[in-house]
Each structure stands twice: as structure tokens, then as C-alpha cells.
Amino acid sequence: MTSLQTEEDVTIAQAVAGDLDAFNQLVLRYQNLAYSVAYRTLQDDAAAADVVQESFIKAYRAIATFQGGSFKSWIIRIVANTCYDLLRVRQRKVTDSLDDLIENDEYAPFLEDAAADPQAHVEQLELSQLIERSFAALPPDQRLVLSLCDVHGYSYEEIAEMTGAPMGTVKSRINRARTRVRDYLLQRPELLPPAFRP
């Protein structure tokens, strides 16, 4: 067991015992991950922020019932369930027109190459936006698992624990999501790196 795990175990034990400062340390440690998962699932900045806040309130109220294991999985499961609750309440349709989807340029700067020519820069920006739109077009359950797997790098086992879904369902959702993203991206093959073009 690493010192980081030991430190977190102590913090969790203190939070379970009712120590608000310890719980706040856990919030600081996991708030960015929680927001990323909520945003990827909901595709809405304000709604994701609200879900994260609500999720940590729920977690604080339920911390005494935490039975051990991975706190990260426990909190992400609360976030995922809160996202699904919001989507059910809104009865949000996944099949919205792609023209109405919000484009998020937040990730575009990371794809930029200062040495690239203007045409290459425009193509990189278009590719970044295309990837975001392909992600937004997925059903929420597929967005969630694809985000956890391909954006955050969690294993199928961890995702099953975080989402409460059976392993076979997790694998199936990830495979379907990857296929849909690939098919969406292939609609604009000229933006893809040569190795990925048909």
C-alpha cells in the first residue's frame, strides 16, 4: 500500500467519522474528475456543475454508510446516478439535431501546434469540434462509459464498479460508442490523420 493510499484511507475514515474538513479534502481531490464525468455525460456546463454540487451533498449525507473499497468509484457512481436522474427529469432527447448541439472549444488548444501552418491549424480545430460533436451525439450511458474508459483511462472492472453495470454491459456500451464515434468521424475523412482514413 502506498503512502498516498494510506493518507486517503485516513482521510476517508475521518470523513466517515463526521470530520467536515476531511470530507472537503476528498471533494478537492475528486471534484475535477466528477465534473469531467458529469460534463461528458450531460454536455452542459451549468448542469454538470449543479450535478457535481448535488452529488457531493449526497455523498456527505451518505458518507457514514460508506463500506470501504474505492471511494473514487463510490463518488463517481453517485455522480453518474445524479446525471441519469437529471436526464430522466428533463426527458432529454438524445436524438437532437447535430446542428443544435453546443460546440465546446475547451479542448481545442491542446491539439494546437504552434509550428503548424494556418490550414493545418484550421483542420485540427475542425477535427476537435467534430470529435466533440460525435461524443455529444452518443446516448448518455454510452458517453459515460466511453468517457471513463477512453478519456480517463479506467479499466472495464473499474467502470463496472463506478456505474453499477454488469461487465458485459460496460463492454457492449463501450464497443457501440466507439463504433458510433468512428462512423461519425468517417463522415469527414479529410480531417482525419492519414492512417485513419478509409
C-alpha atoms as a PDB file:
ATOM      1  CA  MET A   1       0.000   0.000   0.000  1.00  0.00           C
ATOM      2  CA  THR A   2       1.428   3.384  -0.990  1.00  0.00           C
ATOM      3  CA  SER A   3       1.607   6.370   1.320  1.00  0.00           C
ATOM      4  CA  LEU A   4      -0.981   8.100  -0.886  1.00  0.00           C
ATOM      5  CA  GLN A   5      -3.430   5.237  -0.358  1.00  0.00           C
ATOM      6  CA  THR A   6      -2.738   5.273   3.370  1.00  0.00           C
ATOM      7  CA  GLU A   7      -3.270   9.029   3.521  1.00  0.00           C
ATOM      8  CA  GLU A   8      -6.551   8.733   1.609  1.00  0.00           C
ATOM      9  CA  ASP A   9      -7.715   5.853   3.810  1.00  0.00           C
ATOM     10  CA  VAL A  10      -7.106   8.019   6.884  1.00  0.00           C
ATOM     11  CA  THR A  11      -8.949  10.957   5.290  1.00  0.00           C
ATOM     12  CA  ILE A  12     -11.894   8.728   4.370  1.00  0.00           C
ATOM     13  CA  ALA A  13     -12.044   7.297   7.900  1.00  0.00           C
ATOM     14  CA  GLN A  14     -12.065  10.824   9.323  1.00  0.00           C
ATOM     15  CA  ALA A  15     -14.819  11.861   6.900  1.00  0.00           C
ATOM     16  CA  VAL A  16     -16.896   8.802   7.790  1.00  0.00           C
ATOM     17  CA  ALA A  17     -16.492   9.784  11.450  1.00  0.00           C
ATOM     18  CA  GLY A  18     -18.040  13.167  10.632  1.00  0.00           C
ATOM     19  CA  ASP A  19     -14.956  15.347  10.036  1.00  0.00           C
ATOM     20  CA  LEU A  20     -16.090  18.032   7.554  1.00  0.00           C
ATOM     21  CA  ASP A  21     -12.517  19.165   6.811  1.00  0.00           C
ATOM     22  CA  ALA A  22     -11.575  15.607   5.857  1.00  0.00           C
ATOM     23  CA  PHE A  23     -14.616  15.353   3.578  1.00  0.00           C
ATOM     24  CA  ASN A  24     -13.679  18.671   1.974  1.00  0.00           C
ATOM     25  CA  GLN A  25     -10.215  17.238   1.222  1.00  0.00           C
ATOM     26  CA  LEU A  26     -11.927  14.402  -0.646  1.00  0.00           C
ATOM     27  CA  VAL A  27     -14.081  16.912  -2.527  1.00  0.00           C
ATOM     28  CA  LEU A  28     -10.965  18.821  -3.618  1.00  0.00           C
ATOM     29  CA  ARG A  29      -9.299  15.588  -4.700  1.00  0.00           C
ATOM     30  CA  TYR A  30     -12.218  14.362  -6.842  1.00  0.00           C
ATOM     31  CA  GLN A  31     -14.124  17.451  -7.956  1.00  0.00           C
ATOM     32  CA  ASN A  32     -12.344  17.763 -11.318  1.00  0.00           C
ATOM     33  CA  LEU A  33     -12.939  14.110 -12.165  1.00  0.00           C
ATOM     34  CA  ALA A  34     -16.563  14.398 -11.041  1.00  0.00           C
ATOM     35  CA  TYR A  35     -17.083  17.484 -13.181  1.00  0.00           C
ATOM     36  CA  SER A  36     -15.453  15.883 -16.216  1.00  0.00           C
ATOM     37  CA  VAL A  37     -17.685  12.807 -15.937  1.00  0.00           C
ATOM     38  CA  ALA A  38     -20.804  14.948 -15.420  1.00  0.00           C
ATOM     39  CA  TYR A  39     -19.956  17.267 -18.301  1.00  0.00           C
ATOM     40  CA  ARG A  40     -19.198  14.410 -20.679  1.00  0.00           C
ATOM     41  CA  THR A  41     -22.482  12.744 -19.737  1.00  0.00           C
ATOM     42  CA  LEU A  42     -24.704  15.845 -19.828  1.00  0.00           C
ATOM     43  CA  GLN A  43     -22.878  18.003 -22.415  1.00  0.00           C
ATOM     44  CA  ASP A  44     -23.902  21.110 -20.448  1.00  0.00           C
ATOM     45  CA  ASP A  45     -21.529  23.197 -18.290  1.00  0.00           C
ATOM     46  CA  ALA A  46     -24.094  24.574 -15.851  1.00  0.00           C
ATOM     47  CA  ALA A  47     -25.920  21.282 -15.448  1.00  0.00           C
ATOM     48  CA  ALA A  48     -22.624  19.452 -14.860  1.00  0.00           C
ATOM     49  CA  ALA A  49     -21.631  21.951 -12.159  1.00  0.00           C
ATOM     50  CA  ASP A  50     -25.040  21.551 -10.484  1.00  0.00           C
ATOM     51  CA  VAL A  51     -24.791  17.755 -10.632  1.00  0.00           C
ATOM     52  CA  VAL A  52     -21.323  17.789  -9.052  1.00  0.00           C
ATOM     53  CA  GLN A  53     -22.521  20.024  -6.230  1.00  0.00           C
ATOM     54  CA  GLU A  54     -25.596  17.870  -5.663  1.00  0.00           C
ATOM     55  CA  SER A  55     -23.515  14.685  -5.812  1.00  0.00           C
ATOM     56  CA  PHE A  56     -21.094  15.869  -3.135  1.00  0.00           C
ATOM     57  CA  ILE A  57     -24.014  16.914  -0.932  1.00  0.00           C
ATOM     58  CA  LYS A  58     -25.499  13.432  -1.369  1.00  0.00           C
ATOM     59  CA  ALA A  59     -22.103  11.893  -0.643  1.00  0.00           C
ATOM     60  CA  TYR A  60     -21.677  13.959   2.516  1.00  0.00           C
ATOM     61  CA  ARG A  61     -25.116  12.914   3.758  1.00  0.00           C
ATOM     62  CA  ALA A  62     -24.367   9.261   2.990  1.00  0.00           C
ATOM     63  CA  ILE A  63     -20.676   9.122   3.996  1.00  0.00           C
ATOM     64  CA  ALA A  64     -21.451   7.274   7.216  1.00  0.00           C
ATOM     65  CA  THR A  65     -22.782   4.397   5.086  1.00  0.00           C
ATOM     66  CA  PHE A  66     -19.564   4.109   3.037  1.00  0.00           C
ATOM     67  CA  GLN A  67     -18.493   0.491   3.443  1.00  0.00           C
ATOM     68  CA  GLY A  68     -14.923   0.770   2.219  1.00  0.00           C
ATOM     69  CA  GLY A  69     -13.456  -0.097  -1.141  1.00  0.00           C
ATOM     70  CA  SER A  70     -12.758   2.573  -3.724  1.00  0.00           C
ATOM     71  CA  PHE A  71     -14.008   5.999  -2.663  1.00  0.00           C
ATOM     72  CA  LYS A  72     -13.419   7.197  -6.230  1.00  0.00           C
ATOM     73  CA  SER A  73     -15.748   4.511  -7.602  1.00  0.00           C
ATOM     74  CA  TRP A  74     -18.313   5.331  -4.915  1.00  0.00           C
ATOM     75  CA  ILE A  75     -18.362   9.063  -5.685  1.00  0.00           C
ATOM     76  CA  ILE A  76     -18.409   8.566  -9.469  1.00  0.00           C
ATOM     77  CA  ARG A  77     -21.334   6.192  -9.101  1.00  0.00           C
ATOM     78  CA  ILE A  78     -23.213   8.933  -7.220  1.00  0.00           C
ATOM     79  CA  VAL A  79     -22.322  11.420  -9.975  1.00  0.00           C
ATOM     80  CA  ALA A  80     -23.466   9.021 -12.717  1.00  0.00           C
ATOM     81  CA  ASN A  81     -26.757   8.308 -10.939  1.00  0.00           C
ATOM     82  CA  THR A  82     -27.356  12.028 -10.377  1.00  0.00           C
ATOM     83  CA  CYS A  83     -26.733  12.666 -14.087  1.00  0.00           C
ATOM     84  CA  TYR A  84     -29.219   9.963 -15.030  1.00  0.00           C
ATOM     85  CA  ASP A  85     -31.773  11.374 -12.582  1.00  0.00           C
ATOM     86  CA  LEU A  86     -31.445  14.804 -14.205  1.00  0.00           C
ATOM     87  CA  LEU A  87     -31.754  13.348 -17.696  1.00  0.00           C
ATOM     88  CA  ARG A  88     -34.897  11.447 -16.686  1.00  0.00           C
ATOM     89  CA  VAL A  89     -36.437  14.576 -15.184  1.00  0.00           C
ATOM     90  CA  ARG A  90     -35.676  16.605 -18.294  1.00  0.00           C
ATOM     91  CA  GLN A  91     -36.696  13.756 -20.584  1.00  0.00           C
ATOM     92  CA  ARG A  92     -33.877  14.996 -22.703  1.00  0.00           C
ATOM     93  CA  LYS A  93     -33.859  13.511 -26.183  1.00  0.00           C
ATOM     94  CA  VAL A  94     -30.587  12.051 -27.322  1.00  0.00           C
ATOM     95  CA  THR A  95     -31.567  12.312 -30.963  1.00  0.00           C
ATOM     96  CA  ASP A  96     -31.330  16.117 -31.099  1.00  0.00           C
ATOM     97  CA  SER A  97     -30.258  17.534 -34.404  1.00  0.00           C
ATOM     98  CA  LEU A  98     -26.476  17.737 -34.613  1.00  0.00           C
ATOM     99  CA  ASP A  99     -26.887  21.337 -35.798  1.00  0.00           C
ATOM    100  CA  ASP A 100     -28.328  22.255 -32.390  1.00  0.00           C
ATOM    101  CA  LEU A 101     -25.528  20.722 -30.357  1.00  0.00           C
ATOM    102  CA  ILE A 102     -23.279  23.071 -28.432  1.00  0.00           C
ATOM    103  CA  GLU A 103     -19.743  23.052 -29.693  1.00  0.00           C
ATOM    104  CA  ASN A 104     -17.111  23.114 -26.997  1.00  0.00           C
ATOM    105  CA  ASP A 105     -13.743  24.581 -27.909  1.00  0.00           C
ATOM    106  CA  GLU A 106     -12.351  23.929 -24.419  1.00  0.00           C
ATOM    107  CA  TYR A 107     -10.120  21.092 -25.617  1.00  0.00           C
ATOM    108  CA  ALA A 108      -9.009  22.652 -28.904  1.00  0.00           C
ATOM    109  CA  PRO A 109      -5.905  24.457 -27.529  1.00  0.00           C
ATOM    110  CA  PHE A 110      -4.380  21.131 -26.507  1.00  0.00           C
ATOM    111  CA  LEU A 111      -4.492  19.967 -30.112  1.00  0.00           C
ATOM    112  CA  GLU A 112      -2.759  23.057 -31.461  1.00  0.00           C
ATOM    113  CA  ASP A 113       0.755  23.032 -32.844  1.00  0.00           C
ATOM    114  CA  ALA A 114       2.322  26.490 -32.838  1.00  0.00           C
ATOM    115  CA  ALA A 115       4.586  25.495 -35.733  1.00  0.00           C
ATOM    116  CA  ALA A 116       1.711  24.279 -37.893  1.00  0.00           C
ATOM    117  CA  ASP A 117       0.582  26.287 -40.893  1.00  0.00           C
ATOM    118  CA  PRO A 118      -2.813  28.081 -40.735  1.00  0.00           C
ATOM    119  CA  GLN A 119      -4.554  25.443 -42.857  1.00  0.00           C
ATOM    120  CA  ALA A 120      -3.350  22.653 -40.535  1.00  0.00           C
ATOM    121  CA  HIS A 121      -4.494  24.682 -37.518  1.00  0.00           C
ATOM    122  CA  VAL A 122      -7.992  25.096 -39.006  1.00  0.00           C
ATOM    123  CA  GLU A 123      -8.169  21.373 -39.773  1.00  0.00           C
ATOM    124  CA  GLN A 124      -7.092  20.493 -36.208  1.00  0.00           C
ATOM    125  CA  LEU A 125      -9.755  22.810 -34.820  1.00  0.00           C
ATOM    126  CA  GLU A 126     -12.399  21.280 -37.083  1.00  0.00           C
ATOM    127  CA  LEU A 127     -11.321  17.776 -36.046  1.00  0.00           C
ATOM    128  CA  SER A 128     -11.527  18.716 -32.360  1.00  0.00           C
ATOM    129  CA  GLN A 129     -15.039  20.084 -32.862  1.00  0.00           C
ATOM    130  CA  LEU A 130     -16.026  17.014 -34.879  1.00  0.00           C
ATOM    131  CA  ILE A 131     -14.854  14.720 -32.069  1.00  0.00           C
ATOM    132  CA  GLU A 132     -16.860  16.747 -29.535  1.00  0.00           C
ATOM    133  CA  ARG A 133     -19.985  16.573 -31.723  1.00  0.00           C
ATOM    134  CA  SER A 134     -19.563  12.817 -32.229  1.00  0.00           C
ATOM    135  CA  PHE A 135     -19.312  12.414 -28.461  1.00  0.00           C
ATOM    136  CA  ALA A 136     -22.364  14.617 -27.873  1.00  0.00           C
ATOM    137  CA  ALA A 137     -24.408  12.541 -30.315  1.00  0.00           C
ATOM    138  CA  LEU A 138     -24.000   9.396 -28.176  1.00  0.00           C
ATOM    139  CA  PRO A 139     -26.696   8.259 -25.731  1.00  0.00           C
ATOM    140  CA  PRO A 140     -25.799   9.325 -22.163  1.00  0.00           C
ATOM    141  CA  ASP A 141     -24.994   5.797 -20.957  1.00  0.00           C
ATOM    142  CA  GLN A 142     -22.504   5.364 -23.822  1.00  0.00           C
ATOM    143  CA  ARG A 143     -20.998   8.839 -23.271  1.00  0.00           C
ATOM    144  CA  LEU A 144     -20.439   7.992 -19.621  1.00  0.00           C
ATOM    145  CA  VAL A 145     -18.614   4.693 -20.156  1.00  0.00           C
ATOM    146  CA  LEU A 146     -16.621   5.962 -23.147  1.00  0.00           C
ATOM    147  CA  SER A 147     -15.529   8.990 -21.118  1.00  0.00           C
ATOM    148  CA  LEU A 148     -14.451   6.819 -18.194  1.00  0.00           C
ATOM    149  CA  CYS A 149     -12.596   4.403 -20.478  1.00  0.00           C
ATOM    150  CA  ASP A 150     -11.065   6.474 -23.283  1.00  0.00           C
ATOM    151  CA  VAL A 151     -10.808   9.918 -21.669  1.00  0.00           C
ATOM    152  CA  HIS A 152      -9.959   8.972 -18.071  1.00  0.00           C
ATOM    153  CA  GLY A 153      -8.339   5.585 -18.706  1.00  0.00           C
ATOM    154  CA  TYR A 154     -10.295   3.394 -16.282  1.00  0.00           C
ATOM    155  CA  SER A 155     -10.458  -0.365 -16.748  1.00  0.00           C
ATOM    156  CA  TYR A 156     -13.695  -2.192 -17.564  1.00  0.00           C
ATOM    157  CA  GLU A 157     -13.707  -3.541 -13.995  1.00  0.00           C
ATOM    158  CA  GLU A 158     -13.441  -0.045 -12.514  1.00  0.00           C
ATOM    159  CA  ILE A 159     -16.157   1.263 -14.832  1.00  0.00           C
ATOM    160  CA  ALA A 160     -18.473  -1.600 -13.881  1.00  0.00           C
ATOM    161  CA  GLU A 161     -17.932  -0.705 -10.224  1.00  0.00           C
ATOM    162  CA  MET A 162     -18.427   3.024 -10.848  1.00  0.00           C
ATOM    163  CA  THR A 163     -21.600   2.637 -12.896  1.00  0.00           C
ATOM    164  CA  GLY A 164     -23.099  -0.418 -11.223  1.00  0.00           C
ATOM    165  CA  ALA A 165     -23.499  -2.014 -14.659  1.00  0.00           C
ATOM    166  CA  PRO A 166     -22.521  -5.632 -15.365  1.00  0.00           C
ATOM    167  CA  MET A 167     -19.164  -6.141 -17.088  1.00  0.00           C
ATOM    168  CA  GLY A 168     -20.815  -7.373 -20.308  1.00  0.00           C
ATOM    169  CA  THR A 169     -22.984  -4.245 -20.448  1.00  0.00           C
ATOM    170  CA  VAL A 170     -19.959  -1.998 -19.936  1.00  0.00           C
ATOM    171  CA  LYS A 171     -18.032  -3.715 -22.746  1.00  0.00           C
ATOM    172  CA  SER A 172     -21.038  -3.606 -25.055  1.00  0.00           C
ATOM    173  CA  ARG A 173     -21.688   0.094 -24.414  1.00  0.00           C
ATOM    174  CA  ILE A 174     -18.034   0.994 -24.979  1.00  0.00           C
ATOM    175  CA  ASN A 175     -17.904  -1.005 -28.226  1.00  0.00           C
ATOM    176  CA  ARG A 176     -21.140   0.562 -29.503  1.00  0.00           C
ATOM    177  CA  ALA A 177     -19.938   4.043 -28.536  1.00  0.00           C
ATOM    178  CA  ARG A 178     -16.580   3.583 -30.280  1.00  0.00           C
ATOM    179  CA  THR A 179     -18.328   2.314 -33.416  1.00  0.00           C
ATOM    180  CA  ARG A 180     -20.705   5.283 -33.459  1.00  0.00           C
ATOM    181  CA  VAL A 181     -17.874   7.783 -32.935  1.00  0.00           C
ATOM    182  CA  ARG A 182     -15.808   6.127 -35.681  1.00  0.00           C
ATOM    183  CA  ASP A 183     -18.745   6.152 -38.115  1.00  0.00           C
ATOM    184  CA  TYR A 184     -19.433   9.789 -37.284  1.00  0.00           C
ATOM    185  CA  LEU A 185     -15.802  10.806 -37.819  1.00  0.00           C
ATOM    186  CA  LEU A 186     -15.632   8.929 -41.120  1.00  0.00           C
ATOM    187  CA  GLN A 187     -18.243  11.339 -42.497  1.00  0.00           C
ATOM    188  CA  ARG A 188     -15.352  13.852 -42.697  1.00  0.00           C
ATOM    189  CA  PRO A 189     -12.368  11.610 -43.555  1.00  0.00           C
ATOM    190  CA  GLU A 190     -10.349  14.551 -44.888  1.00  0.00           C
ATOM    191  CA  LEU A 191      -9.952  15.834 -41.301  1.00  0.00           C
ATOM    192  CA  LEU A 192      -8.577  12.548 -40.005  1.00  0.00           C
ATOM    193  CA  PRO A 193      -4.867  11.714 -39.877  1.00  0.00           C
ATOM    194  CA  PRO A 194      -3.914   9.693 -42.993  1.00  0.00           C
ATOM    195  CA  ALA A 195      -3.551   6.441 -41.009  1.00  0.00           C
ATOM    196  CA  PHE A 196      -7.244   6.621 -40.016  1.00  0.00           C
ATOM    197  CA  ARG A 197      -8.703   7.416 -43.417  1.00  0.00           C
ATOM    198  CA  PRO A 198     -10.573   4.680 -45.300  1.00  0.00           C
END
